């Protein structure tokens, strides 16, 4: 039987062990089976004990601690066996068909990179949700946690060795075809005090969302994360 292309999901992490079980659960319930999750962990306390025994999950601990996010993304991409790379942030939520949808977009549109330029952010502690909208008239961009791309593109354009903004640099300097799709209900970014990059929700790109108008998928996720508020304190 011919399998669809292998997808390598990459998850750099450090000192965020409380998020690991939910991140792995999100991966294992994906309906796209021909995939692997590569966890690159350089935190003070290793999270290997939280990783289930599963041939589709690879755990790597660099020799040096405190690497940048960009460096860890490069390590994960180097290890990846798939021809497609997808980002899998440890503290965000991905719908069960997220990988399938991203693969559909990549191959249907013949994009080099795809993801979301409009995306939901939720603060579980304060039960507040925003929609972030990146302007369509600016240079192409998709959210780092939603990025999918061909490994061959990464080989030509590895990530900068920086802690914040490595994903933006990757998109803007790749000179590639970037497609932003509209599967907003397939992803929610969680806001908390340990986010890698700050979020300034007061500027005009952020729209406060009334929960009564949110899609049922989003409402369900919000309820799930309410049960794990201690993760975000």
C-alpha atoms as a PDB file:
ATOM      1  CA  UNK A   1       0.000   0.000   0.000  1.00  0.00           C
ATOM      2  CA  UNK A   2       1.321   3.432  -0.931  1.00  0.00           C
ATOM      3  CA  UNK A   3       1.575   5.713   2.062  1.00  0.00           C
ATOM      4  CA  UNK A   4       1.136   9.492   1.868  1.00  0.00           C
ATOM      5  CA  UNK A   5       4.314  11.555   2.346  1.00  0.00           C
ATOM      6  CA  UNK A   6       5.930  11.361   5.769  1.00  0.00           C
ATOM      7  CA  UNK A   7       5.397  14.514   7.831  1.00  0.00           C
ATOM      8  CA  UNK A   8       7.908  15.474  10.519  1.00  0.00           C
ATOM      9  CA  UNK A   9       6.439  17.615  13.287  1.00  0.00           C
ATOM     10  CA  UNK A  10       9.130  19.454  15.224  1.00  0.00           C
ATOM     11  CA  UNK A  11       8.739  20.536  18.850  1.00  0.00           C
ATOM     12  CA  UNK A  12      11.581  22.454  20.512  1.00  0.00           C
ATOM     13  CA  UNK A  13      11.044  22.763  24.255  1.00  0.00           C
ATOM     14  CA  UNK A  14      12.818  23.724  27.472  1.00  0.00           C
ATOM     15  CA  UNK A  15      11.641  23.896  31.082  1.00  0.00           C
ATOM     16  CA  UNK A  16       7.988  23.556  30.081  1.00  0.00           C
ATOM     17  CA  UNK A  17       7.363  20.002  31.211  1.00  0.00           C
ATOM     18  CA  UNK A  18       3.813  20.815  32.274  1.00  0.00           C
ATOM     19  CA  UNK A  19       2.790  21.274  28.628  1.00  0.00           C
ATOM     20  CA  UNK A  20       4.311  18.081  27.237  1.00  0.00           C
ATOM     21  CA  UNK A  21       1.440  15.602  27.875  1.00  0.00           C
ATOM     22  CA  UNK A  22      -1.160  17.793  26.126  1.00  0.00           C
ATOM     23  CA  UNK A  23       1.165  18.487  23.196  1.00  0.00           C
ATOM     24  CA  UNK A  24       1.794  14.771  22.682  1.00  0.00           C
ATOM     25  CA  UNK A  25      -1.913  14.001  23.029  1.00  0.00           C
ATOM     26  CA  UNK A  26      -2.668  16.526  20.287  1.00  0.00           C
ATOM     27  CA  UNK A  27      -0.147  14.784  18.040  1.00  0.00           C
ATOM     28  CA  UNK A  28      -1.255  11.195  18.696  1.00  0.00           C
ATOM     29  CA  UNK A  29      -4.902  11.896  17.892  1.00  0.00           C
ATOM     30  CA  UNK A  30      -4.119  13.264  14.425  1.00  0.00           C
ATOM     31  CA  UNK A  31      -5.929  11.479  11.591  1.00  0.00           C
ATOM     32  CA  UNK A  32      -2.786  11.697   9.415  1.00  0.00           C
ATOM     33  CA  UNK A  33      -0.873   8.626  10.563  1.00  0.00           C
ATOM     34  CA  UNK A  34       2.305   8.770   8.469  1.00  0.00           C
ATOM     35  CA  UNK A  35       3.932  11.327  10.729  1.00  0.00           C
ATOM     36  CA  UNK A  36       6.611  11.637  13.370  1.00  0.00           C
ATOM     37  CA  UNK A  37       7.096  14.029  16.279  1.00  0.00           C
ATOM     38  CA  UNK A  38      10.632  15.182  17.026  1.00  0.00           C
ATOM     39  CA  UNK A  39      11.087  16.655  20.491  1.00  0.00           C
ATOM     40  CA  UNK A  40      14.271  18.670  21.061  1.00  0.00           C
ATOM     41  CA  UNK A  41      14.618  19.366  24.763  1.00  0.00           C
ATOM     42  CA  UNK A  42      17.433  21.372  26.347  1.00  0.00           C
ATOM     43  CA  UNK A  43      15.707  22.286  29.589  1.00  0.00           C
ATOM     44  CA  UNK A  44      17.366  21.936  32.978  1.00  0.00           C
ATOM     45  CA  UNK A  45      15.084  19.029  33.855  1.00  0.00           C
ATOM     46  CA  UNK A  46      14.773  16.507  30.989  1.00  0.00           C
ATOM     47  CA  UNK A  47      11.226  15.620  29.929  1.00  0.00           C
ATOM     48  CA  UNK A  48      12.092  12.204  28.524  1.00  0.00           C
ATOM     49  CA  UNK A  49      10.105  10.474  31.268  1.00  0.00           C
ATOM     50  CA  UNK A  50       6.973  12.197  29.949  1.00  0.00           C
ATOM     51  CA  UNK A  51       7.462  10.839  26.430  1.00  0.00           C
ATOM     52  CA  UNK A  52       5.461   7.634  25.793  1.00  0.00           C
ATOM     53  CA  UNK A  53       7.058   4.637  24.145  1.00  0.00           C
ATOM     54  CA  UNK A  54       5.998   5.162  20.551  1.00  0.00           C
ATOM     55  CA  UNK A  55       7.986   4.629  17.369  1.00  0.00           C
ATOM     56  CA  UNK A  56       6.523   7.830  15.931  1.00  0.00           C
ATOM     57  CA  UNK A  57       7.955  10.030  18.693  1.00  0.00           C
ATOM     58  CA  UNK A  58      11.674  10.843  18.731  1.00  0.00           C
ATOM     59  CA  UNK A  59      13.316  12.511  21.726  1.00  0.00           C
ATOM     60  CA  UNK A  60      16.620  14.353  21.409  1.00  0.00           C
ATOM     61  CA  UNK A  61      18.594  16.118  24.125  1.00  0.00           C
ATOM     62  CA  UNK A  62      21.419  18.364  22.847  1.00  0.00           C
ATOM     63  CA  UNK A  63      24.778  18.227  24.567  1.00  0.00           C
ATOM     64  CA  UNK A  64      24.600  21.935  25.341  1.00  0.00           C
ATOM     65  CA  UNK A  65      21.764  23.531  27.292  1.00  0.00           C
ATOM     66  CA  UNK A  66      20.112  26.901  26.590  1.00  0.00           C
ATOM     67  CA  UNK A  67      20.173  26.766  22.807  1.00  0.00           C
ATOM     68  CA  UNK A  68      18.082  29.295  20.912  1.00  0.00           C
ATOM     69  CA  UNK A  69      14.725  28.319  19.414  1.00  0.00           C
ATOM     70  CA  UNK A  70      16.248  28.795  15.963  1.00  0.00           C
ATOM     71  CA  UNK A  71      19.096  26.404  16.754  1.00  0.00           C
ATOM     72  CA  UNK A  72      16.695  23.775  18.119  1.00  0.00           C
ATOM     73  CA  UNK A  73      14.470  24.050  15.052  1.00  0.00           C
ATOM     74  CA  UNK A  74      17.530  23.389  12.900  1.00  0.00           C
ATOM     75  CA  UNK A  75      18.444  20.352  15.018  1.00  0.00           C
ATOM     76  CA  UNK A  76      14.929  18.968  14.634  1.00  0.00           C
ATOM     77  CA  UNK A  77      14.854  19.610  10.878  1.00  0.00           C
ATOM     78  CA  UNK A  78      18.207  17.879  10.501  1.00  0.00           C
ATOM     79  CA  UNK A  79      16.807  14.804  12.280  1.00  0.00           C
ATOM     80  CA  UNK A  80      13.526  14.859  10.352  1.00  0.00           C
ATOM     81  CA  UNK A  81      12.943  11.951   7.988  1.00  0.00           C
ATOM     82  CA  UNK A  82       9.891  13.476   6.345  1.00  0.00           C
ATOM     83  CA  UNK A  83       9.853  15.549   3.194  1.00  0.00           C
ATOM     84  CA  UNK A  84       7.417  17.914   4.906  1.00  0.00           C
ATOM     85  CA  UNK A  85       8.158  19.776   8.152  1.00  0.00           C
ATOM     86  CA  UNK A  86       5.394  21.087  10.414  1.00  0.00           C
ATOM     87  CA  UNK A  87       5.824  23.119  13.565  1.00  0.00           C
ATOM     88  CA  UNK A  88       4.313  21.688  16.717  1.00  0.00           C
ATOM     89  CA  UNK A  89       4.513  24.159  19.579  1.00  0.00           C
ATOM     90  CA  UNK A  90       4.379  22.569  23.008  1.00  0.00           C
ATOM     91  CA  UNK A  91       1.775  24.933  24.493  1.00  0.00           C
ATOM     92  CA  UNK A  92      -0.738  25.244  21.643  1.00  0.00           C
ATOM     93  CA  UNK A  93      -3.765  23.254  20.460  1.00  0.00           C
ATOM     94  CA  UNK A  94      -4.039  21.558  17.041  1.00  0.00           C
ATOM     95  CA  UNK A  95      -7.243  20.052  15.669  1.00  0.00           C
ATOM     96  CA  UNK A  96      -7.215  16.284  14.930  1.00  0.00           C
ATOM     97  CA  UNK A  97      -7.149  16.958  11.177  1.00  0.00           C
ATOM     98  CA  UNK A  98      -4.576  19.745  11.301  1.00  0.00           C
ATOM     99  CA  UNK A  99      -1.786  17.786   9.606  1.00  0.00           C
ATOM    100  CA  UNK A 100      -4.176  16.489   6.931  1.00  0.00           C
ATOM    101  CA  UNK A 101      -5.434  19.976   6.178  1.00  0.00           C
ATOM    102  CA  UNK A 102      -1.949  21.470   5.964  1.00  0.00           C
ATOM    103  CA  UNK A 103      -0.872  18.695   3.605  1.00  0.00           C
ATOM    104  CA  UNK A 104      -3.905  19.339   1.413  1.00  0.00           C
ATOM    105  CA  UNK A 105      -3.026  23.038   1.203  1.00  0.00           C
ATOM    106  CA  UNK A 106       0.645  22.424   0.418  1.00  0.00           C
ATOM    107  CA  UNK A 107      -0.029  20.007  -2.405  1.00  0.00           C
ATOM    108  CA  UNK A 108      -3.188  21.594  -3.820  1.00  0.00           C
ATOM    109  CA  UNK A 109      -1.689  25.090  -3.996  1.00  0.00           C
ATOM    110  CA  UNK A 110       1.907  23.956  -4.680  1.00  0.00           C
ATOM    111  CA  UNK A 111       3.017  26.277  -1.870  1.00  0.00           C
ATOM    112  CA  UNK A 112       6.486  26.231  -0.376  1.00  0.00           C
ATOM    113  CA  UNK A 113       5.165  27.336   3.020  1.00  0.00           C
ATOM    114  CA  UNK A 114       1.624  27.403   4.381  1.00  0.00           C
ATOM    115  CA  UNK A 115      -0.070  28.330   7.640  1.00  0.00           C
ATOM    116  CA  UNK A 116      -2.366  30.943   9.170  1.00  0.00           C
ATOM    117  CA  UNK A 117      -2.144  34.728   9.005  1.00  0.00           C
ATOM    118  CA  UNK A 118      -5.376  35.005  11.001  1.00  0.00           C
ATOM    119  CA  UNK A 119      -5.366  32.971  14.188  1.00  0.00           C
ATOM    120  CA  UNK A 120      -7.003  32.642  17.571  1.00  0.00           C
ATOM    121  CA  UNK A 121      -5.192  33.307  20.847  1.00  0.00           C
ATOM    122  CA  UNK A 122      -6.715  32.296  24.159  1.00  0.00           C
ATOM    123  CA  UNK A 123      -5.747  33.225  27.706  1.00  0.00           C
ATOM    124  CA  UNK A 124      -7.060  30.389  29.900  1.00  0.00           C
ATOM    125  CA  UNK A 125      -6.416  32.172  33.192  1.00  0.00           C
ATOM    126  CA  UNK A 126      -8.561  35.156  32.248  1.00  0.00           C
ATOM    127  CA  UNK A 127     -10.850  33.294  29.829  1.00  0.00           C
ATOM    128  CA  UNK A 128     -10.256  35.845  27.078  1.00  0.00           C
ATOM    129  CA  UNK A 129      -9.919  35.065  23.373  1.00  0.00           C
ATOM    130  CA  UNK A 130      -8.537  37.261  20.603  1.00  0.00           C
ATOM    131  CA  UNK A 131      -8.263  36.922  16.858  1.00  0.00           C
ATOM    132  CA  UNK A 132      -4.964  38.154  15.452  1.00  0.00           C
ATOM    133  CA  UNK A 133      -5.074  39.384  11.847  1.00  0.00           C
ATOM    134  CA  UNK A 134      -1.868  39.987   9.926  1.00  0.00           C
ATOM    135  CA  UNK A 135      -2.454  42.594   7.195  1.00  0.00           C
ATOM    136  CA  UNK A 136      -2.899  41.119   3.726  1.00  0.00           C
ATOM    137  CA  UNK A 137      -1.081  44.040   2.086  1.00  0.00           C
ATOM    138  CA  UNK A 138       2.218  43.438   3.916  1.00  0.00           C
ATOM    139  CA  UNK A 139       4.936  40.977   2.986  1.00  0.00           C
ATOM    140  CA  UNK A 140       3.752  37.343   3.146  1.00  0.00           C
ATOM    141  CA  UNK A 141       3.641  35.882   6.641  1.00  0.00           C
ATOM    142  CA  UNK A 142       2.152  32.955   8.558  1.00  0.00           C
ATOM    143  CA  UNK A 143       2.267  32.287  12.296  1.00  0.00           C
ATOM    144  CA  UNK A 144       5.331  30.313  13.358  1.00  0.00           C
ATOM    145  CA  UNK A 145       3.355  27.713  15.293  1.00  0.00           C
ATOM    146  CA  UNK A 146       1.247  27.034  12.180  1.00  0.00           C
ATOM    147  CA  UNK A 147       4.021  26.709   9.611  1.00  0.00           C
ATOM    148  CA  UNK A 148       4.372  23.766   7.232  1.00  0.00           C
ATOM    149  CA  UNK A 149       7.025  23.638   4.525  1.00  0.00           C
ATOM    150  CA  UNK A 150       9.201  21.369   2.423  1.00  0.00           C
ATOM    151  CA  UNK A 151      12.386  20.130   4.045  1.00  0.00           C
ATOM    152  CA  UNK A 152      14.234  21.035   0.858  1.00  0.00           C
ATOM    153  CA  UNK A 153      13.322  24.678   1.518  1.00  0.00           C
ATOM    154  CA  UNK A 154      14.796  24.490   5.011  1.00  0.00           C
ATOM    155  CA  UNK A 155      18.039  23.041   3.618  1.00  0.00           C
ATOM    156  CA  UNK A 156      18.398  26.150   1.449  1.00  0.00           C
ATOM    157  CA  UNK A 157      17.239  28.491   4.191  1.00  0.00           C
ATOM    158  CA  UNK A 158      17.951  27.247   7.739  1.00  0.00           C
ATOM    159  CA  UNK A 159      16.687  29.121  10.773  1.00  0.00           C
ATOM    160  CA  UNK A 160      18.681  31.980  12.232  1.00  0.00           C
ATOM    161  CA  UNK A 161      20.352  31.226  15.541  1.00  0.00           C
ATOM    162  CA  UNK A 162      18.049  33.544  17.498  1.00  0.00           C
ATOM    163  CA  UNK A 163      15.544  33.073  20.317  1.00  0.00           C
ATOM    164  CA  UNK A 164      12.654  35.237  19.078  1.00  0.00           C
ATOM    165  CA  UNK A 165      11.546  35.896  15.504  1.00  0.00           C
ATOM    166  CA  UNK A 166      13.369  32.999  13.861  1.00  0.00           C
ATOM    167  CA  UNK A 167      10.116  31.902  12.192  1.00  0.00           C
ATOM    168  CA  UNK A 168       9.474  35.384  10.766  1.00  0.00           C
ATOM    169  CA  UNK A 169      12.992  35.527   9.373  1.00  0.00           C
ATOM    170  CA  UNK A 170      12.554  32.078   7.863  1.00  0.00           C
ATOM    171  CA  UNK A 171       9.448  33.157   5.940  1.00  0.00           C
ATOM    172  CA  UNK A 172      10.634  36.598   4.891  1.00  0.00           C
ATOM    173  CA  UNK A 173      14.062  35.537   3.625  1.00  0.00           C
ATOM    174  CA  UNK A 174      13.034  32.269   1.997  1.00  0.00           C
ATOM    175  CA  UNK A 175      11.992  33.917  -1.298  1.00  0.00           C
ATOM    176  CA  UNK A 176       9.297  31.291  -1.573  1.00  0.00           C
ATOM    177  CA  UNK A 177       5.602  30.889  -2.334  1.00  0.00           C
ATOM    178  CA  UNK A 178       3.732  31.452   0.947  1.00  0.00           C
ATOM    179  CA  UNK A 179       0.048  30.531   1.196  1.00  0.00           C
ATOM    180  CA  UNK A 180      -2.119  31.559   4.156  1.00  0.00           C
ATOM    181  CA  UNK A 181      -5.199  29.365   4.477  1.00  0.00           C
ATOM    182  CA  UNK A 182      -8.380  29.919   6.478  1.00  0.00           C
ATOM    183  CA  UNK A 183      -8.602  26.942   8.818  1.00  0.00           C
ATOM    184  CA  UNK A 184      -8.826  29.193  11.878  1.00  0.00           C
ATOM    185  CA  UNK A 185     -10.674  26.574  13.905  1.00  0.00           C
ATOM    186  CA  UNK A 186      -7.793  24.140  13.477  1.00  0.00           C
ATOM    187  CA  UNK A 187      -5.418  25.947  15.801  1.00  0.00           C
ATOM    188  CA  UNK A 188      -5.433  27.945  19.037  1.00  0.00           C
ATOM    189  CA  UNK A 189      -2.374  29.595  20.524  1.00  0.00           C
ATOM    190  CA  UNK A 190      -2.361  29.766  24.310  1.00  0.00           C
ATOM    191  CA  UNK A 191      -1.335  32.989  26.034  1.00  0.00           C
ATOM    192  CA  UNK A 192       0.508  32.774  29.336  1.00  0.00           C
ATOM    193  CA  UNK A 193       3.405  34.377  31.145  1.00  0.00           C
ATOM    194  CA  UNK A 194       5.932  31.938  29.688  1.00  0.00           C
ATOM    195  CA  UNK A 195       5.264  32.605  25.997  1.00  0.00           C
ATOM    196  CA  UNK A 196       8.534  32.798  24.086  1.00  0.00           C
ATOM    197  CA  UNK A 197       7.600  36.054  22.367  1.00  0.00           C
ATOM    198  CA  UNK A 198       5.446  38.819  23.912  1.00  0.00           C
ATOM    199  CA  UNK A 199       1.941  39.464  22.558  1.00  0.00           C
ATOM    200  CA  UNK A 200       0.701  43.055  22.450  1.00  0.00           C
ATOM    201  CA  UNK A 201      -3.044  42.579  22.336  1.00  0.00           C
ATOM    202  CA  UNK A 202      -3.787  46.303  22.484  1.00  0.00           C
ATOM    203  CA  UNK A 203      -2.777  47.126  18.916  1.00  0.00           C
ATOM    204  CA  UNK A 204      -5.129  47.213  15.935  1.00  0.00           C
ATOM    205  CA  UNK A 205      -4.244  43.718  14.700  1.00  0.00           C
ATOM    206  CA  UNK A 206      -5.974  42.114  17.699  1.00  0.00           C
ATOM    207  CA  UNK A 207      -9.745  41.688  17.917  1.00  0.00           C
ATOM    208  CA  UNK A 208     -11.356  40.641  21.195  1.00  0.00           C
ATOM    209  CA  UNK A 209     -13.736  37.706  20.595  1.00  0.00           C
ATOM    210  CA  UNK A 210     -17.123  37.173  22.190  1.00  0.00           C
ATOM    211  CA  UNK A 211     -17.199  33.498  23.205  1.00  0.00           C
ATOM    212  CA  UNK A 212     -20.848  33.226  22.201  1.00  0.00           C
ATOM    213  CA  UNK A 213     -19.803  33.660  18.568  1.00  0.00           C
ATOM    214  CA  UNK A 214     -16.893  31.248  18.603  1.00  0.00           C
ATOM    215  CA  UNK A 215     -17.077  27.981  16.706  1.00  0.00           C
ATOM    216  CA  UNK A 216     -17.982  24.934  18.832  1.00  0.00           C
ATOM    217  CA  UNK A 217     -14.503  23.496  18.284  1.00  0.00           C
ATOM    218  CA  UNK A 218     -12.986  26.556  19.938  1.00  0.00           C
ATOM    219  CA  UNK A 219     -15.462  26.465  22.811  1.00  0.00           C
ATOM    220  CA  UNK A 220     -14.589  22.821  23.460  1.00  0.00           C
ATOM    221  CA  UNK A 221     -10.865  23.549  23.559  1.00  0.00           C
ATOM    222  CA  UNK A 222     -11.416  26.486  25.897  1.00  0.00           C
ATOM    223  CA  UNK A 223     -13.251  24.161  28.287  1.00  0.00           C
ATOM    224  CA  UNK A 224     -10.444  21.592  28.108  1.00  0.00           C
ATOM    225  CA  UNK A 225      -7.811  24.155  29.005  1.00  0.00           C
ATOM    226  CA  UNK A 226      -9.900  25.544  31.855  1.00  0.00           C
ATOM    227  CA  UNK A 227      -9.304  22.196  33.547  1.00  0.00           C
ATOM    228  CA  UNK A 228      -5.553  22.769  33.281  1.00  0.00           C
ATOM    229  CA  UNK A 229      -5.331  26.347  34.537  1.00  0.00           C
ATOM    230  CA  UNK A 230      -2.377  25.503  36.765  1.00  0.00           C
ATOM    231  CA  UNK A 231      -0.289  25.081  33.593  1.00  0.00           C
ATOM    232  CA  UNK A 232      -0.619  28.773  32.818  1.00  0.00           C
ATOM    233  CA  UNK A 233      -0.068  30.343  36.235  1.00  0.00           C
END
